Amino acid sequence: MKYIRIFILFIVITACKNETKNDFPDLSEGKELALQYAEGLKITEYNNRKIIEITKPWPKADKKYTYLLLSKEQAAISSYNKSDYDGVIITPISKTVVTSTTHIPALELLGVEETLIGFPGTDYISSEKTRKLIDNQKVRELGKNEGINTEVLLEINPNVVIGFGVDGVNKTFETIKKAGIPVIYNGDWVEPSALAKAEWIKFFGALFNKEKEADSIFKNIEKEYLGAKEIAVSAKNKPTVLSGAMQKDVWHLPNGLSAEAQFLKDANVNYLWSETKGNGSLALSFEVVLDKAQKADLWLSPSYYSSLEQLEKGNTLYTNFEAFKQKNIYTFANKKGKTGGILYYELGTARPDIVLKDLIKIAHPELLEDYQPYFFEKLK
């Protein structure tokens, strides 16, 4: 009888455990979120959880990252093996740390900017809405992105850190993960096109349970972008375009398959290096650029130079270009937040429709008569 009682007690305890802890009893098939442009992101929804997969966290990454999203209620009654995931995130998220200014617009567009409690390099943030949170000391300064102040970060204890890796795993993020704070890599910057980058708002939508809002926002951005692109097709002339400037003795300008070159193609201009096949940027000598672009009609994004005088002081060789002589040089570097952050670097990724309209206005002003460029202005 003694052994029978022990056996029955074991069965009861096991049953109770199974009632309170179960390995995802919902066996329904997951529904993959529709992504039309983004290549490095996959989001799958189940009735009781979400799985986010980052397949391209940085260029040439040899590993994909998988994250489990659970509600507090589901986390309390479900058992799961943490080692199966690169992070487990409990929702709803009330405290967030992001590490790139490009993440700020997504938070604001979804109306969750007040969850932001920390950022590395707050002076780079331009948005007035988020700057107000910083000024009211609701967002802590975390130092530099390459070496986040982990002491402060552990003190504020966010629900999640949204980071990015340039060419591999960030050692600081590994330290944060060991402290029990999930870190999720955002790979929007690796995407090959402007609309693919912008579609990563759906990544934030999944994190904050705002999938419908994110989808609606992106559809509107896509509609505006494609509408502007269609308008540009009707342009009668295609001005030749030069881009970039020199750093020391090397001229950096967009490669032909980069998102920046895609903007120029969609604006219906003749970008002089559109035939090159790589992503990222080209590194050329001054002589090569001068030979090909001396008579270019337009010169866009001449590094951080903010005036023609400053450009000439930077290097008198720039005066050899016809675009300099005709004062047809346009920059986004002059549109800054009150602490010096460049607005284009913050908002341009999230709003490619605005960038494209700016370029169309510059290249084909007759097509957008009443439009005023938002990012770009002529060098004076």
Foldseek 3Di string as FASTA:
>chain_A
DVVVVVVVVVVVVVVVLCQQEEAPPQPDDWDWDDDDAADQWTWTDDPFKIKIKGRPLEPPDPDIFIEIEGEPRSVRRYDDDPVVHLYYFYDDWQAEEEEFLQVQVLCVLLVNLLNYAEYAPVLQHFDPVNVVCVVVNRYDHQHHLLAGNVVVCVVVQGREYEYGDHDDDRVNQVVVVVVVRYYHRDRLQRGQALLNSQLCSCVVCVNNVNNVSSVVLSVVLVVLQVVLLVLLVPDPDAFEEAEEADDPFWTKDFALRHNVVVLSVSLRHHYQRNPGDDGDIDIDGPVVCCVRQQAGQAYEAHDQDQALVSVCVVPVVVCSHPCSVVQRYKHLNVCGHPSRHRVCSNCCSNRVSLVSVLSNCSRPVVSPVPDDRDRMDGHD
